[in-house]
Amino acid sequence: MRRDVFQAIADPIRRDIISLLAKEMLTVNAIAENFDISRPAVSKHLKILRECGIITINKQGREQLCQIEPKNLVPAFLWIDQYRELWEQKLDSFEAYLNDLQSKTQENGKNKSNK
């Protein structure tokens, strides 16, 4: 089953796995040591990440080495970036509104004290 990148990053454990692998390649056991869940549960999370193409798992001797494939996260980055720009615009507009409101409040305060 081919999964969606957004399904993969929806889970906090999988996001933590991505963060670990962003720093270095790790074995499945090394990844599992970072979590208070069973080794099979970690393997299930790794399977989902692999199905999405976010990680690759290669055998090296008896170990399975996991590596991140950042290019497959690009669709998520682009989608998130689109909304980041939208919210930055909205926050900039809100900041301008608050500054204008604060200026008017200060002007009203000065006018009342001059009377």
C-alpha atoms as a PDB file:
ATOM      1  CA  MET A   1       0.000   0.000   0.000  1.00  0.00           C
ATOM      2  CA  ARG A   2       1.453   3.333  -1.057  1.00  0.00           C
ATOM      3  CA  ARG A   3       0.795   5.902   1.617  1.00  0.00           C
ATOM      4  CA  ASP A   4       0.635   9.677   1.520  1.00  0.00           C
ATOM      5  CA  VAL A   5       3.476  11.774   2.968  1.00  0.00           C
ATOM      6  CA  PHE A   6       0.957  13.586   5.155  1.00  0.00           C
ATOM      7  CA  GLN A   7      -0.129  10.284   6.710  1.00  0.00           C
ATOM      8  CA  ALA A   8       3.479   9.642   7.614  1.00  0.00           C
ATOM      9  CA  ILE A   9       4.150  12.989   9.241  1.00  0.00           C
ATOM     10  CA  ALA A  10       0.805  13.024  11.074  1.00  0.00           C
ATOM     11  CA  ASP A  11       2.167  10.792  13.821  1.00  0.00           C
ATOM     12  CA  PRO A  12       4.481  12.339  16.453  1.00  0.00           C
ATOM     13  CA  ILE A  13       6.636   9.214  16.725  1.00  0.00           C
ATOM     14  CA  ARG A  14       7.234   9.198  12.976  1.00  0.00           C
ATOM     15  CA  ARG A  15       8.100  12.902  13.096  1.00  0.00           C
ATOM     16  CA  ASP A  16      10.618  12.111  15.849  1.00  0.00           C
ATOM     17  CA  ILE A  17      12.069   9.316  13.721  1.00  0.00           C
ATOM     18  CA  ILE A  18      12.424  11.745  10.810  1.00  0.00           C
ATOM     19  CA  SER A  19      14.208  14.197  13.124  1.00  0.00           C
ATOM     20  CA  LEU A  20      16.623  11.492  14.258  1.00  0.00           C
ATOM     21  CA  LEU A  21      17.367  10.406  10.712  1.00  0.00           C
ATOM     22  CA  ALA A  22      17.801  13.994   9.551  1.00  0.00           C
ATOM     23  CA  LYS A  23      20.947  14.082  11.714  1.00  0.00           C
ATOM     24  CA  GLU A  24      22.437  10.721  10.724  1.00  0.00           C
ATOM     25  CA  MET A  25      21.757   7.261   9.344  1.00  0.00           C
ATOM     26  CA  LEU A  26      20.745   4.861  12.109  1.00  0.00           C
ATOM     27  CA  THR A  27      20.051   1.183  12.507  1.00  0.00           C
ATOM     28  CA  VAL A  28      16.550   0.056  13.349  1.00  0.00           C
ATOM     29  CA  ASN A  29      17.758  -0.912  16.832  1.00  0.00           C
ATOM     30  CA  ALA A  30      19.359   2.505  17.383  1.00  0.00           C
ATOM     31  CA  ILE A  31      16.102   4.171  16.428  1.00  0.00           C
ATOM     32  CA  ALA A  32      14.091   1.872  18.710  1.00  0.00           C
ATOM     33  CA  GLU A  33      16.313   2.784  21.679  1.00  0.00           C
ATOM     34  CA  ASN A  34      14.964   6.346  21.500  1.00  0.00           C
ATOM     35  CA  PHE A  35      11.357   5.337  22.190  1.00  0.00           C
ATOM     36  CA  ASP A  36       9.388   3.731  24.998  1.00  0.00           C
ATOM     37  CA  ILE A  37       7.496   1.489  22.595  1.00  0.00           C
ATOM     38  CA  SER A  38       8.163  -2.056  21.436  1.00  0.00           C
ATOM     39  CA  ARG A  39      10.613  -2.867  18.656  1.00  0.00           C
ATOM     40  CA  PRO A  40       7.718  -4.198  16.484  1.00  0.00           C
ATOM     41  CA  ALA A  41       5.873  -0.885  16.973  1.00  0.00           C
ATOM     42  CA  VAL A  42       8.965   1.025  15.816  1.00  0.00           C
ATOM     43  CA  SER A  43       9.232  -1.323  12.836  1.00  0.00           C
ATOM     44  CA  LYS A  44       5.620  -0.553  11.938  1.00  0.00           C
ATOM     45  CA  HIS A  45       6.357   3.184  11.966  1.00  0.00           C
ATOM     46  CA  LEU A  46       9.458   2.618   9.838  1.00  0.00           C
ATOM     47  CA  LYS A  47       7.405   0.589   7.368  1.00  0.00           C
ATOM     48  CA  ILE A  48       4.974   3.473   6.920  1.00  0.00           C
ATOM     49  CA  LEU A  49       7.846   5.939   6.409  1.00  0.00           C
ATOM     50  CA  ARG A  50       9.406   3.555   3.871  1.00  0.00           C
ATOM     51  CA  GLU A  51       6.095   3.113   2.017  1.00  0.00           C
ATOM     52  CA  CYS A  52       5.888   6.899   1.668  1.00  0.00           C
ATOM     53  CA  GLY A  53       9.430   7.051   0.350  1.00  0.00           C
ATOM     54  CA  ILE A  54      10.574   9.232   3.256  1.00  0.00           C
ATOM     55  CA  ILE A  55      13.203   6.704   4.329  1.00  0.00           C
ATOM     56  CA  THR A  56      15.096   3.819   2.805  1.00  0.00           C
ATOM     57  CA  ILE A  57      16.183   0.752   4.734  1.00  0.00           C
ATOM     58  CA  ASN A  58      19.252  -1.108   3.518  1.00  0.00           C
ATOM     59  CA  LYS A  59      20.760  -4.265   4.955  1.00  0.00           C
ATOM     60  CA  GLN A  60      24.393  -4.054   5.971  1.00  0.00           C
ATOM     61  CA  GLY A  61      25.385  -7.441   7.275  1.00  0.00           C
ATOM     62  CA  ARG A  62      22.901  -8.323   9.987  1.00  0.00           C
ATOM     63  CA  GLU A  63      21.849  -4.703  10.571  1.00  0.00           C
ATOM     64  CA  GLN A  64      19.181  -2.681   8.808  1.00  0.00           C
ATOM     65  CA  LEU A  65      20.390   0.871   8.211  1.00  0.00           C
ATOM     66  CA  CYS A  66      17.771   3.606   7.836  1.00  0.00           C
ATOM     67  CA  GLN A  67      18.382   6.774   5.848  1.00  0.00           C
ATOM     68  CA  ILE A  68      16.137   9.753   5.189  1.00  0.00           C
ATOM     69  CA  GLU A  69      15.123  10.684   1.639  1.00  0.00           C
ATOM     70  CA  PRO A  70      14.423  14.415   2.054  1.00  0.00           C
ATOM     71  CA  LYS A  71      13.402  14.957  -1.563  1.00  0.00           C
ATOM     72  CA  ASN A  72      10.235  12.973  -0.867  1.00  0.00           C
ATOM     73  CA  LEU A  73       9.245  15.476   1.829  1.00  0.00           C
ATOM     74  CA  VAL A  74       9.209  18.325  -0.709  1.00  0.00           C
ATOM     75  CA  PRO A  75       5.446  18.082  -1.413  1.00  0.00           C
ATOM     76  CA  ALA A  76       4.736  18.544   2.288  1.00  0.00           C
ATOM     77  CA  PHE A  77       7.205  21.445   2.529  1.00  0.00           C
ATOM     78  CA  LEU A  78       5.574  23.178  -0.456  1.00  0.00           C
ATOM     79  CA  TRP A  79       2.084  22.747   0.953  1.00  0.00           C
ATOM     80  CA  ILE A  80       3.129  24.002   4.386  1.00  0.00           C
ATOM     81  CA  ASP A  81       5.024  26.924   2.849  1.00  0.00           C
ATOM     82  CA  GLN A  82       1.921  27.994   0.932  1.00  0.00           C
ATOM     83  CA  TYR A  83      -0.010  28.311   4.195  1.00  0.00           C
ATOM     84  CA  ARG A  84       2.928  29.871   6.016  1.00  0.00           C
ATOM     85  CA  GLU A  85       2.890  32.737   3.501  1.00  0.00           C
ATOM     86  CA  LEU A  86      -0.870  33.130   3.893  1.00  0.00           C
ATOM     87  CA  TRP A  87      -0.646  33.268   7.694  1.00  0.00           C
ATOM     88  CA  GLU A  88       2.299  35.663   7.611  1.00  0.00           C
ATOM     89  CA  GLN A  89       0.188  38.031   5.514  1.00  0.00           C
ATOM     90  CA  LYS A  90      -2.733  37.712   7.919  1.00  0.00           C
ATOM     91  CA  LEU A  91      -0.486  38.251  10.940  1.00  0.00           C
ATOM     92  CA  ASP A  92       1.134  41.286   9.301  1.00  0.00           C
ATOM     93  CA  SER A  93      -2.330  42.755   8.686  1.00  0.00           C
ATOM     94  CA  PHE A  94      -3.334  42.013  12.281  1.00  0.00           C
ATOM     95  CA  GLU A  95      -0.142  43.659  13.565  1.00  0.00           C
ATOM     96  CA  ALA A  96      -0.859  46.774  11.496  1.00  0.00           C
ATOM     97  CA  TYR A  97      -4.411  46.849  12.884  1.00  0.00           C
ATOM     98  CA  LEU A  98      -3.129  46.566  16.473  1.00  0.00           C
ATOM     99  CA  ASN A  99      -0.554  49.310  15.897  1.00  0.00           C
ATOM    100  CA  ASP A 100      -3.248  51.568  14.462  1.00  0.00           C
ATOM    101  CA  LEU A 101      -5.553  50.796  17.372  1.00  0.00           C
ATOM    102  CA  GLN A 102      -2.770  51.496  19.874  1.00  0.00           C
ATOM    103  CA  SER A 103      -1.985  54.828  18.185  1.00  0.00           C
ATOM    104  CA  LYS A 104      -5.643  55.867  18.322  1.00  0.00           C
ATOM    105  CA  THR A 105      -5.876  54.839  21.989  1.00  0.00           C
ATOM    106  CA  GLN A 106      -2.777  56.874  22.835  1.00  0.00           C
ATOM    107  CA  GLU A 107      -4.133  59.887  20.920  1.00  0.00           C
ATOM    108  CA  ASN A 108      -7.455  59.650  22.780  1.00  0.00           C
ATOM    109  CA  GLY A 109      -5.571  59.479  26.076  1.00  0.00           C
ATOM    110  CA  LYS A 110      -3.593  62.619  25.221  1.00  0.00           C
ATOM    111  CA  ASN A 111      -6.752  64.468  24.150  1.00  0.00           C
ATOM    112  CA  LYS A 112      -8.495  63.633  27.452  1.00  0.00           C
ATOM    113  CA  SER A 113      -5.510  64.795  29.524  1.00  0.00           C
ATOM    114  CA  ASN A 114      -5.330  68.119  27.616  1.00  0.00           C
ATOM    115  CA  LYS A 115      -8.917  69.048  28.582  1.00  0.00           C
END
